[in-house]
Amino acid sequence: MSEGNGKSSEAVLRYAEAKDAPLVFDFVRGLAEYEHLLEQVTATVEGLRRFIFEEKRAEVLICEYGGRAAGFALFFYTFSTFVGKPGIYIEDIFVKPEFRKKGLGKLLLAAVAKIAVERDCGRLEWACLDWNEPSIVFYKSRGARPLSEWTTYRVAGEELKKLASGGFPRPDSP
C-alpha cells in the first residue's frame, strides 16, 4: 500500500505485521505522552502482539517517511444498528513530532477512510481530547463533526470485573 502526493510523496503506508508489535507499542507510548496520559499505559508488546496480530481484534497501518517509521493508525470494526452496517473506529492516529507538517496525518486518515469505503462501512469514528485544538481543527477540516449530544461512558479495571459479576446493587425503583 504505497501512497503519496505533495509533501507526503516520500511516505509509504503498509499494514503492520506481528514483528511490528514493538514499534506499535512505541507509537502508543508516544501518543500517550503527547496526551499527558503516559501513566495510564498498561499495554505490553506481548499483549499487542496477541490481540492485534494473533487474535486480529484490530488492524494497524504504519506510515514510513524517508524509510523511517513516522506514524500509525490503529482501528477496528464497530457496528451500527441504525445504519445496518459495520463501521470503523480509529482508536489511535499518531505522527511523531519530527514528522509533522508533512501531510502524514492526512494520509493516514484518508487511508482508513478508503478502507471503510472499500469494506462498505457506514461510518468512520474516533474520539479526540477536548483540549487538543490542533487535532480538532485538523479533523473538522477533513469534514468530521463532533457528536456533542453523546457522552462516552467507560467501565474498566475493578469496576469492569464488579459489573461482570453482577456486583453492583440494583437501582432503586421509583
Protein backbone atom coordinates (compact mmCIF):
# COMPACT_ATOMS: atom_id res chain seq x y z
CA MET A 1 0.00 0.00 0.00
CA SER A 2 2.01 2.93 -1.24
CA GLU A 3 0.51 6.38 -1.13
CA GLY A 4 1.77 9.84 -1.65
CA ASN A 5 1.26 13.31 -3.06
CA GLY A 6 2.64 16.73 -2.27
CA LYS A 7 4.62 16.83 0.95
CA SER A 8 3.81 13.17 1.67
CA SER A 9 5.41 11.90 -1.57
CA GLU A 10 8.17 10.20 0.45
CA ALA A 11 5.53 8.40 2.53
CA VAL A 12 4.71 4.73 2.32
CA LEU A 13 1.77 3.13 4.10
CA ARG A 14 1.74 -0.53 4.95
CA TYR A 15 -0.19 -2.90 7.20
CA ALA A 16 1.67 -3.75 10.38
CA GLU A 17 2.84 -7.32 10.91
CA ALA A 18 3.49 -9.26 14.12
CA LYS A 19 7.17 -8.26 14.01
CA ASP A 20 5.98 -4.62 14.31
CA ALA A 21 4.46 -5.12 17.78
CA PRO A 22 7.36 -3.28 19.50
CA LEU A 23 7.01 -0.41 17.02
CA VAL A 24 3.24 -0.21 17.62
CA PHE A 25 3.96 -0.14 21.36
CA ASP A 26 6.41 2.74 20.87
CA PHE A 27 3.76 4.67 18.91
CA VAL A 28 1.18 4.04 21.66
CA ARG A 29 3.59 5.39 24.25
CA GLY A 30 4.38 8.40 22.05
CA LEU A 31 0.69 9.20 21.71
CA ALA A 32 0.11 8.75 25.44
CA GLU A 33 3.00 11.10 26.18
CA TYR A 34 1.55 13.71 23.81
CA GLU A 35 -1.85 13.36 25.51
CA HIS A 36 -0.30 13.61 29.02
CA LEU A 37 -1.62 10.09 29.78
CA LEU A 38 1.58 8.05 29.84
CA GLU A 39 0.86 6.82 33.37
CA GLN A 40 -2.32 5.14 32.06
CA VAL A 41 -0.50 2.90 29.59
CA THR A 42 -0.62 -0.68 30.85
CA ALA A 43 -0.28 -2.27 27.40
CA THR A 44 2.63 -4.58 26.67
CA VAL A 45 4.31 -5.62 23.46
CA GLU A 46 3.11 -9.18 24.04
CA GLY A 47 -0.45 -8.04 24.66
CA LEU A 48 -0.46 -6.01 21.46
CA ARG A 49 1.03 -8.94 19.55
CA ARG A 50 -1.66 -11.26 20.89
CA PHE A 51 -4.73 -9.08 20.37
CA ILE A 52 -3.76 -7.32 17.15
CA PHE A 53 -1.80 -9.92 15.24
CA GLU A 54 -2.83 -13.32 16.63
CA GLU A 55 -6.49 -12.71 17.51
CA LYS A 56 -6.91 -9.99 14.85
CA ARG A 57 -9.02 -7.73 17.08
CA ALA A 58 -7.62 -4.59 15.44
CA GLU A 59 -5.58 -3.53 12.43
CA VAL A 60 -2.67 -1.13 12.17
CA LEU A 61 -1.34 0.97 9.33
CA ILE A 62 2.27 2.09 9.63
CA CYS A 63 3.39 5.24 7.85
CA GLU A 64 7.03 5.37 6.88
CA TYR A 65 8.63 8.57 5.69
CA GLY A 66 12.05 8.56 4.09
CA GLY A 67 12.40 4.92 5.17
CA ARG A 68 11.71 5.70 8.85
CA ALA A 69 8.65 4.81 10.93
CA ALA A 70 6.78 8.10 11.24
CA GLY A 71 3.23 7.35 12.37
CA PHE A 72 0.44 4.86 12.71
CA ALA A 73 -3.31 4.37 12.78
CA LEU A 74 -4.91 1.60 14.82
CA PHE A 75 -8.54 0.77 14.01
CA PHE A 76 -11.21 -1.91 14.39
CA TYR A 77 -14.78 -2.68 13.41
CA THR A 78 -17.88 -1.43 15.17
CA PHE A 79 -21.48 -2.00 14.12
CA SER A 80 -24.33 0.48 13.78
CA THR A 81 -27.78 -0.99 14.14
CA PHE A 82 -29.25 2.31 12.94
CA VAL A 83 -27.23 2.24 9.72
CA GLY A 84 -27.34 -1.55 9.49
CA LYS A 85 -23.67 -1.74 8.55
CA PRO A 86 -20.29 -2.11 10.17
CA GLY A 87 -18.21 0.95 10.86
CA ILE A 88 -14.58 1.55 11.64
CA TYR A 89 -13.40 3.13 14.86
CA ILE A 90 -9.96 4.72 14.90
CA GLU A 91 -8.55 4.10 18.36
CA ASP A 92 -5.26 5.86 17.68
CA ILE A 93 -3.78 8.00 14.97
CA PHE A 94 -0.38 9.49 15.67
CA VAL A 95 2.53 11.05 13.82
CA LYS A 96 5.84 11.52 15.61
CA PRO A 97 6.62 15.20 16.25
CA GLU A 98 9.64 15.27 13.91
CA PHE A 99 7.42 14.12 11.01
CA ARG A 100 4.52 16.52 11.48
CA LYS A 101 3.56 19.14 8.88
CA LYS A 102 4.34 16.71 6.05
CA GLY A 103 0.77 15.61 5.32
CA LEU A 104 1.17 12.24 7.07
CA GLY A 105 -1.84 12.62 9.37
CA LYS A 106 -3.99 13.44 6.33
CA LEU A 107 -2.57 10.42 4.56
CA LEU A 108 -3.31 8.07 7.47
CA LEU A 109 -6.83 9.38 8.00
CA ALA A 110 -7.63 9.21 4.28
CA ALA A 111 -6.25 5.66 4.08
CA VAL A 112 -8.50 4.45 6.89
CA ALA A 113 -11.45 6.26 5.26
CA LYS A 114 -10.64 4.47 2.00
CA ILE A 115 -10.59 1.13 3.82
CA ALA A 116 -14.00 1.95 5.34
CA VAL A 117 -15.45 2.77 1.92
CA GLU A 118 -13.92 -0.32 0.28
CA ARG A 119 -15.34 -2.53 3.05
CA ASP A 120 -18.82 -0.98 2.73
CA CYS A 121 -18.77 0.57 6.18
CA GLY A 122 -21.38 3.15 7.10
CA ARG A 123 -19.27 5.22 9.49
CA LEU A 124 -15.76 6.22 10.46
CA GLU A 125 -15.49 7.43 14.04
CA TRP A 126 -12.90 8.37 16.64
CA ALA A 127 -12.53 10.39 19.82
CA CYS A 128 -10.38 13.44 20.45
CA LEU A 129 -9.48 15.05 23.74
CA ASP A 130 -11.35 18.35 24.12
CA TRP A 131 -8.14 20.33 24.77
CA ASN A 132 -6.40 19.07 21.61
CA GLU A 133 -7.20 22.08 19.45
CA PRO A 134 -4.70 21.31 16.65
CA SER A 135 -6.31 17.90 16.13
CA ILE A 136 -9.84 19.30 16.40
CA VAL A 137 -9.07 21.88 13.71
CA PHE A 138 -7.48 19.17 11.56
CA TYR A 139 -10.44 16.78 11.91
CA LYS A 140 -13.00 19.49 11.18
CA SER A 141 -11.01 20.49 8.08
CA ARG A 142 -11.41 16.89 6.88
CA GLY A 143 -15.22 17.03 7.20
CA ALA A 144 -15.57 15.50 10.69
CA ARG A 145 -18.14 16.88 13.11
CA PRO A 146 -18.15 16.39 16.88
CA LEU A 147 -21.08 14.49 18.36
CA SER A 148 -21.77 16.87 21.23
CA GLU A 149 -25.09 15.22 22.08
CA TRP A 150 -23.39 11.93 23.02
CA THR A 151 -21.41 11.19 26.17
CA THR A 152 -18.88 8.37 26.18
CA TYR A 153 -19.01 6.08 29.20
CA ARG A 154 -16.28 3.71 30.29
CA VAL A 155 -16.04 0.88 32.78
CA ALA A 156 -12.56 -0.55 33.33
CA GLY A 157 -10.39 -2.37 35.83
CA GLU A 158 -12.06 -3.40 39.09
CA GLU A 159 -15.36 -1.74 38.13
CA LEU A 160 -15.48 -3.87 34.97
CA LYS A 161 -14.92 -7.03 36.99
CA LYS A 162 -17.54 -5.97 39.51
CA LEU A 163 -20.06 -5.20 36.76
CA ALA A 164 -19.36 -8.54 35.06
CA SER A 165 -20.02 -10.41 38.29
CA GLY A 166 -23.28 -8.57 38.96
CA GLY A 167 -21.66 -6.90 41.95
CA PHE A 168 -23.45 -3.54 41.69
CA PRO A 169 -26.70 -3.12 43.57
CA ARG A 170 -29.89 -2.66 41.56
CA PRO A 171 -31.00 0.95 41.25
CA ASP A 172 -33.94 1.88 43.42
CA SER A 173 -37.24 1.69 41.58
CA PRO A 174 -39.47 4.75 41.71
